């Protein structure tokens, strides 16, 4: 379940047509299992368009941010929506999401990215 305190980008931010660096989210260092992150990409534009998703971290809000996680590139091979899931293992408190678009007229729709603590819910059934 994502909320406004753990989202780097929300549907209300509109279409992603240019490279964006999100504001920092204060997550604190990741637990042993990591932070579950989901990036929803509702549209894939022309075949030559690309979307790179990376995460940077810093010890302080205004500090220097360094790359620590990269998600596999998305290419505009079809019009189908896609979702990328990652486990962030940040060791510093503040994290930014960098969405880098490429191509002649990229438009990935209203992309959303955020921590989703319920994504990997325990689905064990009750014992007999």
N, C-alpha and C. Protein backbone atom coordinates (compact mmCIF):
# COMPACT_ATOMS: atom_id res chain seq x y z
N UNK A 1 0.84 -1.17 0.00
CA UNK A 1 0.00 0.00 0.00
C UNK A 1 0.89 1.24 0.00
N UNK A 2 0.82 2.00 -1.06
CA UNK A 2 1.64 3.20 -1.15
C UNK A 2 0.90 4.38 -0.52
N UNK A 3 1.65 5.34 -0.03
CA UNK A 3 1.04 6.58 0.47
C UNK A 3 1.91 7.75 0.03
N UNK A 4 1.41 8.94 0.26
CA UNK A 4 2.11 10.12 -0.25
C UNK A 4 3.46 10.36 0.41
N UNK A 5 3.73 9.69 1.53
CA UNK A 5 5.02 9.89 2.20
C UNK A 5 6.11 8.97 1.67
N UNK A 6 5.72 7.95 0.92
CA UNK A 6 6.71 7.03 0.39
C UNK A 6 6.63 6.91 -1.14
N UNK A 7 6.02 7.90 -1.79
CA UNK A 7 5.95 7.93 -3.24
C UNK A 7 6.94 8.92 -3.80
N UNK A 8 7.64 8.50 -4.82
CA UNK A 8 8.51 9.43 -5.55
C UNK A 8 7.73 10.10 -6.66
N UNK A 9 6.75 9.38 -7.23
CA UNK A 9 5.93 9.94 -8.31
C UNK A 9 4.54 9.33 -8.21
N UNK A 10 3.51 10.18 -8.40
CA UNK A 10 2.12 9.73 -8.30
C UNK A 10 1.39 9.97 -9.61
N UNK A 11 0.24 9.33 -9.78
CA UNK A 11 -0.56 9.51 -10.99
C UNK A 11 -0.89 10.98 -11.24
N UNK A 12 -1.12 11.73 -10.16
CA UNK A 12 -1.47 13.14 -10.28
C UNK A 12 -0.34 13.98 -10.89
N UNK A 13 0.87 13.43 -10.94
CA UNK A 13 2.00 14.15 -11.55
C UNK A 13 1.89 14.19 -13.07
N UNK A 14 0.96 13.43 -13.64
CA UNK A 14 0.72 13.46 -15.08
C UNK A 14 1.67 12.60 -15.87
N UNK A 15 1.65 12.80 -17.18
CA UNK A 15 2.46 12.00 -18.10
C UNK A 15 3.95 12.25 -17.91
N UNK A 16 4.71 11.18 -18.02
CA UNK A 16 6.17 11.26 -17.96
C UNK A 16 6.68 11.34 -19.39
N UNK A 17 7.11 12.54 -19.79
CA UNK A 17 7.58 12.75 -21.15
C UNK A 17 8.99 13.34 -21.18
N UNK A 18 9.55 13.62 -20.00
CA UNK A 18 10.90 14.17 -19.89
C UNK A 18 11.56 13.57 -18.65
N UNK A 19 12.86 13.58 -18.63
CA UNK A 19 13.61 13.04 -17.50
C UNK A 19 13.24 13.79 -16.22
N UNK A 20 13.04 13.04 -15.14
CA UNK A 20 12.69 13.63 -13.84
C UNK A 20 13.53 13.02 -12.73
N UNK A 21 13.90 13.86 -11.78
CA UNK A 21 14.49 13.40 -10.53
C UNK A 21 13.51 13.78 -9.44
N UNK A 22 13.07 12.82 -8.68
CA UNK A 22 12.06 13.05 -7.65
C UNK A 22 12.63 13.81 -6.46
N UNK A 23 11.75 14.36 -5.65
CA UNK A 23 12.20 14.85 -4.34
C UNK A 23 12.66 13.64 -3.51
N UNK A 24 13.45 13.88 -2.51
CA UNK A 24 13.93 12.80 -1.65
C UNK A 24 12.82 12.32 -0.72
N UNK A 25 12.81 11.02 -0.49
CA UNK A 25 11.92 10.41 0.49
C UNK A 25 12.80 9.87 1.60
N UNK A 26 12.45 10.19 2.85
CA UNK A 26 13.23 9.70 3.98
C UNK A 26 12.72 8.31 4.37
N UNK A 27 13.45 7.29 3.93
CA UNK A 27 13.07 5.91 4.22
C UNK A 27 13.81 5.36 5.42
N UNK A 28 14.97 5.91 5.72
CA UNK A 28 15.84 5.29 6.70
C UNK A 28 16.53 4.11 6.03
N UNK A 29 17.54 3.58 6.65
CA UNK A 29 18.25 2.43 6.08
C UNK A 29 17.28 1.27 5.93
N UNK A 30 17.44 0.51 4.87
CA UNK A 30 16.53 -0.60 4.58
C UNK A 30 16.64 -1.69 5.64
N UNK A 31 15.51 -2.33 5.94
CA UNK A 31 15.58 -3.51 6.81
C UNK A 31 16.27 -4.65 6.06
N UNK A 32 16.52 -5.74 6.73
CA UNK A 32 17.21 -6.87 6.12
C UNK A 32 16.53 -7.31 4.83
N UNK A 33 15.21 -7.33 4.81
CA UNK A 33 14.46 -7.77 3.63
C UNK A 33 14.38 -6.70 2.55
N UNK A 34 14.82 -5.49 2.83
CA UNK A 34 14.77 -4.40 1.86
C UNK A 34 13.42 -3.71 1.81
N UNK A 35 13.36 -2.64 1.04
CA UNK A 35 12.10 -1.91 0.81
C UNK A 35 11.52 -2.39 -0.51
N UNK A 36 10.27 -2.85 -0.51
CA UNK A 36 9.60 -3.22 -1.75
C UNK A 36 9.20 -1.96 -2.49
N UNK A 37 9.60 -1.86 -3.75
CA UNK A 37 9.28 -0.70 -4.58
C UNK A 37 8.59 -1.19 -5.84
N UNK A 38 7.52 -0.48 -6.22
CA UNK A 38 6.81 -0.81 -7.45
C UNK A 38 6.76 0.44 -8.32
N UNK A 39 7.09 0.27 -9.60
CA UNK A 39 7.00 1.35 -10.58
C UNK A 39 6.00 0.90 -11.63
N UNK A 40 4.88 1.63 -11.75
CA UNK A 40 3.86 1.33 -12.75
C UNK A 40 4.08 2.23 -13.96
N UNK A 41 4.14 1.64 -15.14
CA UNK A 41 4.32 2.39 -16.39
C UNK A 41 3.11 2.06 -17.26
N UNK A 42 2.13 2.98 -17.36
CA UNK A 42 0.87 2.67 -18.04
C UNK A 42 0.95 2.64 -19.56
N UNK A 43 1.94 3.28 -20.17
CA UNK A 43 2.00 3.31 -21.63
C UNK A 43 3.43 3.18 -22.09
N UNK A 44 3.59 2.61 -23.26
CA UNK A 44 4.90 2.55 -23.88
C UNK A 44 4.73 3.15 -25.25
N UNK A 45 5.44 4.21 -25.51
CA UNK A 45 5.26 4.98 -26.72
C UNK A 45 5.95 4.30 -27.91
N UNK A 46 6.65 5.02 -28.70
CA UNK A 46 7.29 4.50 -29.91
C UNK A 46 8.38 3.48 -29.59
N UNK A 47 8.65 2.60 -30.55
CA UNK A 47 9.64 1.54 -30.35
C UNK A 47 11.01 2.04 -29.93
N UNK A 48 11.43 3.22 -30.39
CA UNK A 48 12.75 3.72 -30.07
C UNK A 48 12.86 4.40 -28.73
N UNK A 49 11.74 4.56 -28.01
CA UNK A 49 11.77 5.25 -26.72
C UNK A 49 12.24 4.32 -25.61
N UNK A 50 12.94 4.90 -24.63
CA UNK A 50 13.46 4.13 -23.51
C UNK A 50 13.13 4.82 -22.19
N UNK A 51 13.08 4.03 -21.14
CA UNK A 51 12.88 4.54 -19.79
C UNK A 51 13.85 3.81 -18.87
N UNK A 52 14.76 4.57 -18.27
CA UNK A 52 15.69 4.02 -17.29
C UNK A 52 15.26 4.48 -15.90
N UNK A 53 15.25 3.55 -14.96
CA UNK A 53 14.82 3.84 -13.59
C UNK A 53 15.98 3.54 -12.66
N UNK A 54 16.44 4.57 -11.96
CA UNK A 54 17.54 4.39 -11.02
C UNK A 54 17.18 5.05 -9.69
N UNK A 55 17.90 4.64 -8.65
CA UNK A 55 17.68 5.19 -7.32
C UNK A 55 19.02 5.67 -6.76
N UNK A 56 18.97 6.83 -6.11
CA UNK A 56 20.15 7.40 -5.48
C UNK A 56 19.87 7.58 -3.99
N UNK A 57 20.93 7.66 -3.19
CA UNK A 57 20.76 7.80 -1.74
C UNK A 57 21.75 8.80 -1.17
N UNK A 58 21.38 9.35 -0.01
CA UNK A 58 22.23 10.31 0.69
C UNK A 58 21.96 10.19 2.19
N UNK A 59 22.95 10.54 2.98
CA UNK A 59 22.80 10.51 4.44
C UNK A 59 21.96 11.69 4.93
N UNK A 60 21.97 12.80 4.16
CA UNK A 60 21.21 13.99 4.55
C UNK A 60 20.36 14.47 3.38
N UNK A 61 19.32 15.20 3.67
CA UNK A 61 18.39 15.69 2.65
C UNK A 61 19.11 16.52 1.59
N UNK A 62 19.98 17.40 2.00
CA UNK A 62 20.67 18.28 1.06
C UNK A 62 22.05 17.79 0.64
N UNK A 63 22.39 16.57 1.00
CA UNK A 63 23.72 16.05 0.71
C UNK A 63 23.89 15.59 -0.72
N UNK A 64 25.04 15.01 -0.99
CA UNK A 64 25.33 14.44 -2.30
C UNK A 64 24.64 13.09 -2.40
N UNK A 65 23.99 12.85 -3.54
CA UNK A 65 23.28 11.60 -3.77
C UNK A 65 24.11 10.71 -4.68
N UNK A 66 24.21 9.42 -4.32
CA UNK A 66 24.97 8.47 -5.11
C UNK A 66 24.06 7.33 -5.56
N UNK A 67 24.31 6.85 -6.76
CA UNK A 67 23.55 5.76 -7.34
C UNK A 67 23.76 4.48 -6.54
N UNK A 68 22.66 3.75 -6.24
CA UNK A 68 22.83 2.48 -5.55
C UNK A 68 21.95 1.37 -6.11
N UNK A 69 20.99 1.70 -6.99
CA UNK A 69 20.13 0.65 -7.54
C UNK A 69 19.63 1.05 -8.93
N UNK A 70 19.63 0.08 -9.84
CA UNK A 70 19.13 0.29 -11.20
C UNK A 70 18.13 -0.81 -11.54
N UNK A 71 17.02 -0.41 -12.18
CA UNK A 71 16.01 -1.37 -12.65
C UNK A 71 16.22 -1.54 -14.15
N UNK A 72 15.95 -2.74 -14.67
CA UNK A 72 16.13 -3.03 -16.10
C UNK A 72 15.39 -2.01 -16.96
N UNK A 73 16.05 -1.58 -18.03
CA UNK A 73 15.49 -0.57 -18.92
C UNK A 73 14.18 -1.07 -19.55
N UNK A 74 13.25 -0.13 -19.72
CA UNK A 74 11.99 -0.41 -20.40
C UNK A 74 12.09 0.23 -21.78
N UNK A 75 11.73 -0.53 -22.81
CA UNK A 75 11.74 0.02 -24.16
C UNK A 75 10.31 0.06 -24.69
N UNK A 76 10.08 0.98 -25.58
CA UNK A 76 8.74 1.16 -26.14
C UNK A 76 8.42 0.12 -27.20
N UNK A 77 8.49 -1.15 -26.86
CA UNK A 77 8.26 -2.22 -27.83
C UNK A 77 6.78 -2.52 -28.05
N UNK A 78 5.91 -2.09 -27.15
CA UNK A 78 4.48 -2.36 -27.31
C UNK A 78 3.70 -1.29 -26.56
N UNK A 79 2.39 -1.31 -26.74
CA UNK A 79 1.54 -0.34 -26.06
C UNK A 79 1.06 -0.87 -24.71
N UNK A 80 1.50 -2.07 -24.33
CA UNK A 80 1.01 -2.68 -23.10
C UNK A 80 1.61 -2.02 -21.87
N UNK A 81 0.81 -1.82 -20.82
CA UNK A 81 1.36 -1.31 -19.56
C UNK A 81 2.33 -2.33 -18.97
N UNK A 82 3.21 -1.85 -18.13
CA UNK A 82 4.16 -2.75 -17.48
C UNK A 82 4.39 -2.29 -16.05
N UNK A 83 4.96 -3.17 -15.26
CA UNK A 83 5.27 -2.86 -13.87
C UNK A 83 6.63 -3.44 -13.57
N UNK A 84 7.42 -2.67 -12.85
CA UNK A 84 8.74 -3.14 -12.41
C UNK A 84 8.73 -3.16 -10.89
N UNK A 85 9.24 -4.25 -10.33
CA UNK A 85 9.29 -4.42 -8.88
C UNK A 85 10.76 -4.57 -8.48
N UNK A 86 11.12 -3.93 -7.38
CA UNK A 86 12.51 -4.00 -6.93
C UNK A 86 12.55 -4.06 -5.40
N UNK A 87 13.66 -4.56 -4.91
CA UNK A 87 13.96 -4.55 -3.47
C UNK A 87 15.10 -3.57 -3.29
N UNK A 88 14.83 -2.46 -2.64
CA UNK A 88 15.89 -1.48 -2.40
C UNK A 88 16.63 -1.84 -1.12
N UNK A 89 17.94 -1.83 -1.20
CA UNK A 89 18.80 -2.11 -0.05
C UNK A 89 19.63 -0.87 0.26
N UNK A 90 18.94 0.25 0.43
CA UNK A 90 19.66 1.49 0.73
C UNK A 90 20.25 1.43 2.14
N UNK A 91 21.42 2.02 2.30
CA UNK A 91 22.07 2.06 3.60
C UNK A 91 22.01 3.47 4.20
N UNK A 92 21.57 4.44 3.40
CA UNK A 92 21.45 5.82 3.87
C UNK A 92 19.98 6.22 3.94
N UNK A 93 19.68 7.28 4.66
CA UNK A 93 18.30 7.63 4.99
C UNK A 93 17.46 8.16 3.85
N UNK A 94 18.02 8.97 2.96
CA UNK A 94 17.24 9.67 1.96
C UNK A 94 17.43 9.05 0.58
N UNK A 95 16.31 8.83 -0.13
CA UNK A 95 16.35 8.16 -1.43
C UNK A 95 15.57 8.98 -2.46
N UNK A 96 16.15 9.10 -3.66
CA UNK A 96 15.49 9.74 -4.80
C UNK A 96 15.34 8.72 -5.92
N UNK A 97 14.28 8.89 -6.72
CA UNK A 97 14.07 8.07 -7.91
C UNK A 97 14.36 8.94 -9.12
N UNK A 98 15.18 8.44 -10.03
CA UNK A 98 15.52 9.16 -11.25
C UNK A 98 14.93 8.40 -12.43
N UNK A 99 14.02 9.07 -13.16
CA UNK A 99 13.38 8.47 -14.33
C UNK A 99 13.94 9.17 -15.55
N UNK A 100 14.75 8.43 -16.33
CA UNK A 100 15.44 9.01 -17.48
C UNK A 100 14.78 8.50 -18.75
N UNK A 101 14.22 9.42 -19.53
CA UNK A 101 13.54 9.05 -20.77
C UNK A 101 14.43 9.35 -21.96
N UNK A 102 14.29 8.55 -23.00
CA UNK A 102 15.03 8.75 -24.23
C UNK A 102 14.13 8.49 -25.41
N UNK A 103 14.52 9.00 -26.56
CA UNK A 103 13.74 8.80 -27.78
C UNK A 103 13.31 10.13 -28.35
N UNK A 104 12.63 10.08 -29.48
CA UNK A 104 12.26 11.32 -30.18
C UNK A 104 11.04 12.00 -29.57
N UNK A 105 10.03 11.26 -29.17
CA UNK A 105 8.83 11.85 -28.55
C UNK A 105 8.33 10.94 -27.44
N UNK A 106 9.11 10.75 -26.39
CA UNK A 106 8.71 9.81 -25.34
C UNK A 106 7.50 10.31 -24.55
N UNK A 107 6.60 9.40 -24.23
CA UNK A 107 5.48 9.68 -23.34
C UNK A 107 5.08 8.35 -22.72
N UNK A 108 5.37 8.19 -21.47
CA UNK A 108 5.15 6.92 -20.77
C UNK A 108 3.86 6.92 -19.96
N UNK A 109 3.01 7.92 -20.12
CA UNK A 109 1.78 7.99 -19.36
C UNK A 109 2.04 8.44 -17.94
N UNK A 110 1.04 8.32 -17.11
CA UNK A 110 1.13 8.77 -15.71
C UNK A 110 1.86 7.71 -14.88
N UNK A 111 3.17 7.71 -14.97
CA UNK A 111 4.01 6.75 -14.25
C UNK A 111 3.92 7.03 -12.75
N UNK A 112 3.85 5.97 -11.95
CA UNK A 112 3.90 6.13 -10.50
C UNK A 112 5.02 5.24 -9.96
N UNK A 113 5.65 5.71 -8.89
CA UNK A 113 6.75 4.96 -8.27
C UNK A 113 6.71 5.19 -6.77
N UNK A 114 6.77 4.11 -6.02
CA UNK A 114 6.76 4.26 -4.57
C UNK A 114 6.99 2.96 -3.84
N UNK A 115 7.19 3.08 -2.54
CA UNK A 115 7.33 1.92 -1.68
C UNK A 115 5.95 1.29 -1.53
N UNK A 116 5.88 0.00 -1.66
CA UNK A 116 4.61 -0.71 -1.57
C UNK A 116 4.78 -1.86 -0.59
N UNK A 117 4.52 -1.59 0.68
CA UNK A 117 4.78 -2.59 1.73
C UNK A 117 3.89 -3.81 1.61
N UNK A 118 2.76 -3.71 0.95
CA UNK A 118 1.86 -4.85 0.81
C UNK A 118 2.08 -5.66 -0.44
N UNK A 119 3.06 -5.28 -1.26
CA UNK A 119 3.24 -5.97 -2.53
C UNK A 119 3.54 -7.44 -2.37
N UNK A 120 4.38 -7.79 -1.44
CA UNK A 120 4.75 -9.19 -1.24
C UNK A 120 4.13 -9.73 0.05
N UNK A 121 2.82 -9.69 0.09
CA UNK A 121 2.13 -10.17 1.29
C UNK A 121 2.37 -11.64 1.48
N UNK A 122 2.34 -12.06 2.73
CA UNK A 122 2.46 -13.47 3.06
C UNK A 122 1.18 -14.17 2.64
N UNK A 123 1.29 -15.16 1.76
CA UNK A 123 0.10 -15.85 1.26
C UNK A 123 -0.02 -17.26 1.82
N UNK A 124 0.62 -17.51 2.95
CA UNK A 124 0.51 -18.83 3.56
C UNK A 124 -0.92 -19.07 4.03
N UNK A 125 -1.39 -20.29 3.83
CA UNK A 125 -2.73 -20.63 4.28
C UNK A 125 -2.67 -21.12 5.71
N UNK A 126 -3.80 -21.15 6.35
CA UNK A 126 -3.89 -21.62 7.74
C UNK A 126 -3.67 -23.12 7.77
N UNK A 127 -2.90 -23.59 8.70
CA UNK A 127 -2.64 -25.03 8.82
C UNK A 127 -3.89 -25.80 9.19
N UNK A 128 -3.88 -27.12 8.95
CA UNK A 128 -5.07 -27.92 9.22
C UNK A 128 -5.06 -28.51 10.60
